[in-house]
Amino acid sequence: MNFEYTFHWRPVMRKLPDLLEASLVTLQISVLSMIIGITLGMVLALLRMNGPKPLAWVASVWVETARNTPALFQLFFFSFGLGAFGMHLTPYLIVLFGLTFNNAGYLAENFRGGFQAVPDTQLRAARSLGMSAWQSYTRIIIPQVFRIVYHPMTNQLVWAVLMSSLAMIVGFRELAGETQALAFKTFRIFEYFAVAALIYYAMVKFILGISRLIAWRMFRY
């Protein structure tokens, strides 16, 4: 049995602008989910360390679920799970909530480790100088925490970009979803996904390059 496959790259090149536009959607939703995830992750970390027991328990369940279940199942929860209770979200919101839920769970543990790495004496010293608890955390503790967890946060952003490819399962037209739609129309499966893989690679390298530049500017002293 002979199987011959002839590569045709011209149809892919004609649709390259569509793929690049879809890649911007990927970056947009990944960055937005990270911004929200950082905020929620910080709250979850503080609740796990210092919150009342009921809230600490909720935070622990969130973190353990996000870190110990497949990301695809988390997307399914926000699509089919909530849909079973009559809550029907748009594909954009499904992906945004799924990525944010996952990011917040992982970032919460990063932040918790960052808080524990800052000596308690710094908080006591700030309070002894007359700073309020809010001032002590926002001016003394949290800036140090962000420096400690900066590189794990960069890794999480890369993970969010790559994990967003699962969005095609729920019908969202980011890079992977657009690639799938175009590939199935033309039956040039390998060509489209090969080009999409190169775009993902370029996006990740771009993110890492920007993160190194920011780290050099902010943390060189």
C-alpha atoms as a PDB file:
ATOM      1  CA  MET A   1       0.000   0.000   0.000  1.00  0.00           C
ATOM      2  CA  ASN A   2       1.565   3.274  -1.110  1.00  0.00           C
ATOM      3  CA  PHE A   3       0.637   6.512   0.569  1.00  0.00           C
ATOM      4  CA  GLU A   4       1.755   9.675  -1.149  1.00  0.00           C
ATOM      5  CA  TYR A   5       1.172  13.120   0.227  1.00  0.00           C
ATOM      6  CA  THR A   6       1.949  16.226  -1.774  1.00  0.00           C
ATOM      7  CA  PHE A   7       2.635  19.353   0.214  1.00  0.00           C
ATOM      8  CA  HIS A   8       0.830  22.515  -0.852  1.00  0.00           C
ATOM      9  CA  TRP A   9       1.941  25.597   1.050  1.00  0.00           C
ATOM     10  CA  ARG A  10       0.337  28.246  -1.144  1.00  0.00           C
ATOM     11  CA  PRO A  11      -3.162  27.971   0.423  1.00  0.00           C
ATOM     12  CA  VAL A  12      -1.584  28.371   3.864  1.00  0.00           C
ATOM     13  CA  MET A  13       0.416  31.412   2.821  1.00  0.00           C
ATOM     14  CA  ARG A  14      -2.741  33.049   1.450  1.00  0.00           C
ATOM     15  CA  LYS A  15      -4.393  32.608   4.850  1.00  0.00           C
ATOM     16  CA  LEU A  16      -1.351  33.641   6.852  1.00  0.00           C
ATOM     17  CA  PRO A  17      -2.861  37.079   7.696  1.00  0.00           C
ATOM     18  CA  ASP A  18      -5.877  35.275   9.216  1.00  0.00           C
ATOM     19  CA  LEU A  19      -3.577  33.090  11.308  1.00  0.00           C
ATOM     20  CA  LEU A  20      -1.572  36.090  12.494  1.00  0.00           C
ATOM     21  CA  GLU A  21      -4.776  37.920  13.419  1.00  0.00           C
ATOM     22  CA  ALA A  22      -5.909  34.858  15.377  1.00  0.00           C
ATOM     23  CA  SER A  23      -2.549  34.799  17.156  1.00  0.00           C
ATOM     24  CA  LEU A  24      -3.278  38.301  18.444  1.00  0.00           C
ATOM     25  CA  VAL A  25      -6.516  36.958  19.920  1.00  0.00           C
ATOM     26  CA  THR A  26      -4.461  34.232  21.603  1.00  0.00           C
ATOM     27  CA  LEU A  27      -2.111  36.797  23.118  1.00  0.00           C
ATOM     28  CA  GLN A  28      -4.978  39.044  24.169  1.00  0.00           C
ATOM     29  CA  ILE A  29      -6.917  36.407  26.070  1.00  0.00           C
ATOM     30  CA  SER A  30      -3.745  34.918  27.579  1.00  0.00           C
ATOM     31  CA  VAL A  31      -2.514  38.273  28.896  1.00  0.00           C
ATOM     32  CA  LEU A  32      -5.976  39.212  30.196  1.00  0.00           C
ATOM     33  CA  SER A  33      -6.304  35.869  32.004  1.00  0.00           C
ATOM     34  CA  MET A  34      -2.861  36.446  33.540  1.00  0.00           C
ATOM     35  CA  ILE A  35      -3.741  39.930  34.781  1.00  0.00           C
ATOM     36  CA  ILE A  36      -6.904  38.641  36.451  1.00  0.00           C
ATOM     37  CA  GLY A  37      -5.108  35.477  37.579  1.00  0.00           C
ATOM     38  CA  ILE A  38      -2.349  37.477  39.290  1.00  0.00           C
ATOM     39  CA  THR A  39      -4.930  39.434  41.271  1.00  0.00           C
ATOM     40  CA  LEU A  40      -6.898  36.336  42.251  1.00  0.00           C
ATOM     41  CA  GLY A  41      -3.731  34.352  42.923  1.00  0.00           C
ATOM     42  CA  MET A  42      -2.509  36.998  45.355  1.00  0.00           C
ATOM     43  CA  VAL A  43      -5.857  36.929  47.162  1.00  0.00           C
ATOM     44  CA  LEU A  44      -5.879  33.123  47.284  1.00  0.00           C
ATOM     45  CA  ALA A  45      -2.344  33.036  48.682  1.00  0.00           C
ATOM     46  CA  LEU A  46      -3.177  35.535  51.429  1.00  0.00           C
ATOM     47  CA  LEU A  47      -6.379  33.672  52.291  1.00  0.00           C
ATOM     48  CA  ARG A  48      -4.538  30.356  52.558  1.00  0.00           C
ATOM     49  CA  MET A  49      -1.961  31.890  54.886  1.00  0.00           C
ATOM     50  CA  ASN A  50      -3.969  34.324  57.003  1.00  0.00           C
ATOM     51  CA  GLY A  51      -7.646  34.058  56.088  1.00  0.00           C
ATOM     52  CA  PRO A  52     -10.534  32.742  58.183  1.00  0.00           C
ATOM     53  CA  LYS A  53     -10.910  28.969  58.051  1.00  0.00           C
ATOM     54  CA  PRO A  54     -13.921  28.909  55.685  1.00  0.00           C
ATOM     55  CA  LEU A  55     -12.224  31.238  53.191  1.00  0.00           C
ATOM     56  CA  ALA A  56      -8.891  29.427  53.582  1.00  0.00           C
ATOM     57  CA  TRP A  57     -10.693  26.175  52.793  1.00  0.00           C
ATOM     58  CA  VAL A  58     -12.288  27.678  49.664  1.00  0.00           C
ATOM     59  CA  ALA A  59      -8.886  28.959  48.540  1.00  0.00           C
ATOM     60  CA  SER A  60      -7.315  25.538  49.128  1.00  0.00           C
ATOM     61  CA  VAL A  61     -10.019  23.786  47.121  1.00  0.00           C
ATOM     62  CA  TRP A  62      -9.516  26.251  44.250  1.00  0.00           C
ATOM     63  CA  VAL A  63      -5.742  25.775  44.234  1.00  0.00           C
ATOM     64  CA  GLU A  64      -5.844  21.996  44.559  1.00  0.00           C
ATOM     65  CA  THR A  65      -8.470  21.668  41.822  1.00  0.00           C
ATOM     66  CA  ALA A  66      -6.615  23.950  39.415  1.00  0.00           C
ATOM     67  CA  ARG A  67      -3.276  22.208  39.971  1.00  0.00           C
ATOM     68  CA  ASN A  68      -4.433  18.600  40.078  1.00  0.00           C
ATOM     69  CA  THR A  69      -7.045  18.294  37.328  1.00  0.00           C
ATOM     70  CA  PRO A  70      -6.512  18.502  33.547  1.00  0.00           C
ATOM     71  CA  ALA A  71      -6.880  21.970  32.065  1.00  0.00           C
ATOM     72  CA  LEU A  72      -9.249  20.530  29.457  1.00  0.00           C
ATOM     73  CA  PHE A  73     -11.632  19.392  32.207  1.00  0.00           C
ATOM     74  CA  GLN A  74     -11.603  22.900  33.646  1.00  0.00           C
ATOM     75  CA  LEU A  75     -12.658  24.316  30.281  1.00  0.00           C
ATOM     76  CA  PHE A  76     -15.376  21.680  30.064  1.00  0.00           C
ATOM     77  CA  PHE A  77     -16.663  22.732  33.488  1.00  0.00           C
ATOM     78  CA  PHE A  78     -17.167  26.328  32.350  1.00  0.00           C
ATOM     79  CA  SER A  79     -18.790  25.183  29.093  1.00  0.00           C
ATOM     80  CA  PHE A  80     -20.734  21.949  29.579  1.00  0.00           C
ATOM     81  CA  GLY A  81     -20.747  21.973  33.381  1.00  0.00           C
ATOM     82  CA  LEU A  82     -22.311  25.390  33.808  1.00  0.00           C
ATOM     83  CA  GLY A  83     -24.449  24.756  30.728  1.00  0.00           C
ATOM     84  CA  ALA A  84     -26.072  21.818  32.536  1.00  0.00           C
ATOM     85  CA  PHE A  85     -27.344  24.330  35.115  1.00  0.00           C
ATOM     86  CA  GLY A  86     -28.652  26.713  32.474  1.00  0.00           C
ATOM     87  CA  MET A  87     -25.664  29.069  32.509  1.00  0.00           C
ATOM     88  CA  HIS A  88     -24.524  29.348  28.902  1.00  0.00           C
ATOM     89  CA  LEU A  89     -21.380  31.394  28.362  1.00  0.00           C
ATOM     90  CA  THR A  90     -19.874  32.609  25.129  1.00  0.00           C
ATOM     91  CA  PRO A  91     -16.758  30.757  23.921  1.00  0.00           C
ATOM     92  CA  TYR A  92     -14.672  33.823  24.783  1.00  0.00           C
ATOM     93  CA  LEU A  93     -15.855  33.837  28.408  1.00  0.00           C
ATOM     94  CA  ILE A  94     -15.458  30.064  28.686  1.00  0.00           C
ATOM     95  CA  VAL A  95     -11.812  30.302  27.675  1.00  0.00           C
ATOM     96  CA  LEU A  96     -11.169  33.415  29.762  1.00  0.00           C
ATOM     97  CA  PHE A  97     -12.671  31.853  32.902  1.00  0.00           C
ATOM     98  CA  GLY A  98     -10.895  28.540  32.301  1.00  0.00           C
ATOM     99  CA  LEU A  99      -7.486  30.140  31.814  1.00  0.00           C
ATOM    100  CA  THR A 100      -7.999  32.521  34.732  1.00  0.00           C
ATOM    101  CA  PHE A 101      -9.067  29.696  37.051  1.00  0.00           C
ATOM    102  CA  ASN A 102      -5.986  27.676  36.130  1.00  0.00           C
ATOM    103  CA  ASN A 103      -3.584  30.625  36.284  1.00  0.00           C
ATOM    104  CA  ALA A 104      -4.868  31.775  39.659  1.00  0.00           C
ATOM    105  CA  GLY A 105      -4.430  28.298  41.137  1.00  0.00           C
ATOM    106  CA  TYR A 106      -0.813  27.979  40.035  1.00  0.00           C
ATOM    107  CA  LEU A 107       0.100  31.582  40.793  1.00  0.00           C
ATOM    108  CA  ALA A 108      -1.371  31.316  44.296  1.00  0.00           C
ATOM    109  CA  GLU A 109       1.246  28.729  45.215  1.00  0.00           C
ATOM    110  CA  ASN A 110       3.979  30.836  43.654  1.00  0.00           C
ATOM    111  CA  PHE A 111       2.859  33.849  45.663  1.00  0.00           C
ATOM    112  CA  ARG A 112       2.568  31.798  48.846  1.00  0.00           C
ATOM    113  CA  GLY A 113       6.170  30.688  48.427  1.00  0.00           C
ATOM    114  CA  GLY A 114       7.170  34.276  47.724  1.00  0.00           C
ATOM    115  CA  PHE A 115       5.488  35.570  50.889  1.00  0.00           C
ATOM    116  CA  GLN A 116       7.136  32.867  52.963  1.00  0.00           C
ATOM    117  CA  ALA A 117      10.533  33.778  51.471  1.00  0.00           C
ATOM    118  CA  VAL A 118      10.281  37.348  52.805  1.00  0.00           C
ATOM    119  CA  PRO A 119      11.447  37.467  56.450  1.00  0.00           C
ATOM    120  CA  ASP A 120       8.725  38.278  58.977  1.00  0.00           C
ATOM    121  CA  THR A 121      11.045  40.861  60.522  1.00  0.00           C
ATOM    122  CA  GLN A 122      10.496  43.160  57.535  1.00  0.00           C
ATOM    123  CA  LEU A 123       6.767  43.352  58.207  1.00  0.00           C
ATOM    124  CA  ARG A 124       7.361  44.003  61.901  1.00  0.00           C
ATOM    125  CA  ALA A 125       9.938  46.675  61.081  1.00  0.00           C
ATOM    126  CA  ALA A 126       7.521  48.406  58.717  1.00  0.00           C
ATOM    127  CA  ARG A 127       4.772  48.399  61.332  1.00  0.00           C
ATOM    128  CA  SER A 128       7.168  49.710  63.971  1.00  0.00           C
ATOM    129  CA  LEU A 129       7.902  52.676  61.694  1.00  0.00           C
ATOM    130  CA  GLY A 130       4.229  53.610  61.752  1.00  0.00           C
ATOM    131  CA  MET A 131       3.117  52.054  58.488  1.00  0.00           C
ATOM    132  CA  SER A 132      -0.348  50.532  58.324  1.00  0.00           C
ATOM    133  CA  ALA A 133      -0.787  46.906  57.314  1.00  0.00           C
ATOM    134  CA  TRP A 134      -1.830  48.032  53.817  1.00  0.00           C
ATOM    135  CA  GLN A 135       1.244  50.253  53.448  1.00  0.00           C
ATOM    136  CA  SER A 136       3.537  47.541  54.796  1.00  0.00           C
ATOM    137  CA  TYR A 137       2.330  44.994  52.267  1.00  0.00           C
ATOM    138  CA  THR A 138       2.043  47.261  49.232  1.00  0.00           C
ATOM    139  CA  ARG A 139       5.317  49.176  49.767  1.00  0.00           C
ATOM    140  CA  ILE A 140       7.571  46.601  51.428  1.00  0.00           C
ATOM    141  CA  ILE A 141       6.372  43.005  51.130  1.00  0.00           C
ATOM    142  CA  ILE A 142       4.566  42.673  47.794  1.00  0.00           C
ATOM    143  CA  PRO A 143       7.319  44.330  45.681  1.00  0.00           C
ATOM    144  CA  GLN A 144       9.770  41.752  47.024  1.00  0.00           C
ATOM    145  CA  VAL A 145       7.300  38.942  46.382  1.00  0.00           C
ATOM    146  CA  PHE A 146       6.899  39.998  42.755  1.00  0.00           C
ATOM    147  CA  ARG A 147      10.659  39.979  42.325  1.00  0.00           C
ATOM    148  CA  ILE A 148      10.860  36.448  43.742  1.00  0.00           C
ATOM    149  CA  VAL A 149       8.042  35.050  41.592  1.00  0.00           C
ATOM    150  CA  TYR A 150       8.777  37.028  38.426  1.00  0.00           C
ATOM    151  CA  HIS A 151      10.249  34.133  36.454  1.00  0.00           C
ATOM    152  CA  PRO A 152       7.549  31.627  37.533  1.00  0.00           C
ATOM    153  CA  MET A 153       4.989  34.222  36.413  1.00  0.00           C
ATOM    154  CA  THR A 154       6.682  34.366  33.019  1.00  0.00           C
ATOM    155  CA  ASN A 155       6.488  30.578  32.779  1.00  0.00           C
ATOM    156  CA  GLN A 156       2.801  30.725  33.664  1.00  0.00           C
ATOM    157  CA  LEU A 157       2.144  33.238  30.876  1.00  0.00           C
ATOM    158  CA  VAL A 158       3.850  30.896  28.407  1.00  0.00           C
ATOM    159  CA  TRP A 159       1.704  28.065  29.749  1.00  0.00           C
ATOM    160  CA  ALA A 160      -1.426  30.189  29.317  1.00  0.00           C
ATOM    161  CA  VAL A 161      -0.557  30.893  25.669  1.00  0.00           C
ATOM    162  CA  LEU A 162      -0.014  27.212  24.954  1.00  0.00           C
ATOM    163  CA  MET A 163      -3.017  26.083  27.000  1.00  0.00           C
ATOM    164  CA  SER A 164      -5.250  28.471  25.051  1.00  0.00           C
ATOM    165  CA  SER A 165      -4.943  26.058  22.114  1.00  0.00           C
ATOM    166  CA  LEU A 166      -7.475  23.870  23.945  1.00  0.00           C
ATOM    167  CA  ALA A 167     -10.025  26.599  23.235  1.00  0.00           C
ATOM    168  CA  MET A 168     -10.756  25.113  19.824  1.00  0.00           C
ATOM    169  CA  ILE A 169     -12.593  22.312  21.673  1.00  0.00           C
ATOM    170  CA  VAL A 170     -15.256  24.809  22.774  1.00  0.00           C
ATOM    171  CA  GLY A 171     -15.446  26.584  19.413  1.00  0.00           C
ATOM    172  CA  PHE A 172     -13.283  29.617  20.157  1.00  0.00           C
ATOM    173  CA  ARG A 173     -11.427  30.954  17.122  1.00  0.00           C
ATOM    174  CA  GLU A 174      -8.014  31.783  18.523  1.00  0.00           C
ATOM    175  CA  LEU A 175      -4.902  30.552  16.695  1.00  0.00           C
ATOM    176  CA  ALA A 176      -5.539  26.836  17.137  1.00  0.00           C
ATOM    177  CA  GLY A 177      -9.258  27.193  16.447  1.00  0.00           C
ATOM    178  CA  GLU A 178      -8.644  29.250  13.309  1.00  0.00           C
ATOM    179  CA  THR A 179      -6.014  26.754  12.177  1.00  0.00           C
ATOM    180  CA  GLN A 180      -8.396  23.850  12.642  1.00  0.00           C
ATOM    181  CA  ALA A 181     -11.196  25.591  10.748  1.00  0.00           C
ATOM    182  CA  LEU A 182      -8.980  26.493   7.803  1.00  0.00           C
ATOM    183  CA  ALA A 183      -7.280  23.094   7.711  1.00  0.00           C
ATOM    184  CA  PHE A 184     -10.562  21.209   7.568  1.00  0.00           C
ATOM    185  CA  LYS A 185     -11.797  23.411   4.741  1.00  0.00           C
ATOM    186  CA  THR A 186      -8.773  22.737   2.546  1.00  0.00           C
ATOM    187  CA  PHE A 187      -7.630  19.338   3.915  1.00  0.00           C
ATOM    188  CA  ARG A 188      -4.082  20.710   4.235  1.00  0.00           C
ATOM    189  CA  ILE A 189      -3.868  19.545   7.837  1.00  0.00           C
ATOM    190  CA  PHE A 190      -0.122  19.218   8.202  1.00  0.00           C
ATOM    191  CA  GLU A 191       0.702  22.477   6.462  1.00  0.00           C
ATOM    192  CA  TYR A 192      -1.673  24.592   8.528  1.00  0.00           C
ATOM    193  CA  PHE A 193      -0.689  23.095  11.865  1.00  0.00           C
ATOM    194  CA  ALA A 194       3.013  23.274  11.005  1.00  0.00           C
ATOM    195  CA  VAL A 195       2.700  26.998  10.349  1.00  0.00           C
ATOM    196  CA  ALA A 196       0.603  27.429  13.504  1.00  0.00           C
ATOM    197  CA  ALA A 197       3.312  25.635  15.512  1.00  0.00           C
ATOM    198  CA  LEU A 198       5.891  28.083  14.179  1.00  0.00           C
ATOM    199  CA  ILE A 199       3.659  31.008  15.175  1.00  0.00           C
ATOM    200  CA  TYR A 200       3.265  29.581  18.695  1.00  0.00           C
ATOM    201  CA  TYR A 201       7.042  29.156  18.863  1.00  0.00           C
ATOM    202  CA  ALA A 202       7.566  32.760  17.782  1.00  0.00           C
ATOM    203  CA  MET A 203       5.036  34.033  20.353  1.00  0.00           C
ATOM    204  CA  VAL A 204       6.727  32.146  23.179  1.00  0.00           C
ATOM    205  CA  LYS A 205      10.168  33.389  22.164  1.00  0.00           C
ATOM    206  CA  PHE A 206       8.766  36.938  21.973  1.00  0.00           C
ATOM    207  CA  ILE A 207       7.323  36.638  25.504  1.00  0.00           C
ATOM    208  CA  LEU A 208      10.572  35.250  26.887  1.00  0.00           C
ATOM    209  CA  GLY A 209      12.577  37.982  25.168  1.00  0.00           C
ATOM    210  CA  ILE A 210      10.369  40.725  26.585  1.00  0.00           C
ATOM    211  CA  SER A 211      10.482  39.141  30.054  1.00  0.00           C
ATOM    212  CA  ARG A 212      14.292  39.021  29.979  1.00  0.00           C
ATOM    213  CA  LEU A 213      14.415  42.676  28.937  1.00  0.00           C
ATOM    214  CA  ILE A 214      12.059  43.665  31.764  1.00  0.00           C
ATOM    215  CA  ALA A 215      14.053  41.593  34.268  1.00  0.00           C
ATOM    216  CA  TRP A 216      17.286  43.243  33.119  1.00  0.00           C
ATOM    217  CA  ARG A 217      15.779  46.695  33.490  1.00  0.00           C
ATOM    218  CA  MET A 218      14.146  46.090  36.874  1.00  0.00           C
ATOM    219  CA  PHE A 219      16.323  43.552  38.685  1.00  0.00           C
ATOM    220  CA  ARG A 220      19.873  44.298  37.603  1.00  0.00           C
ATOM    221  CA  TYR A 221      20.770  45.906  40.932  1.00  0.00           C
END
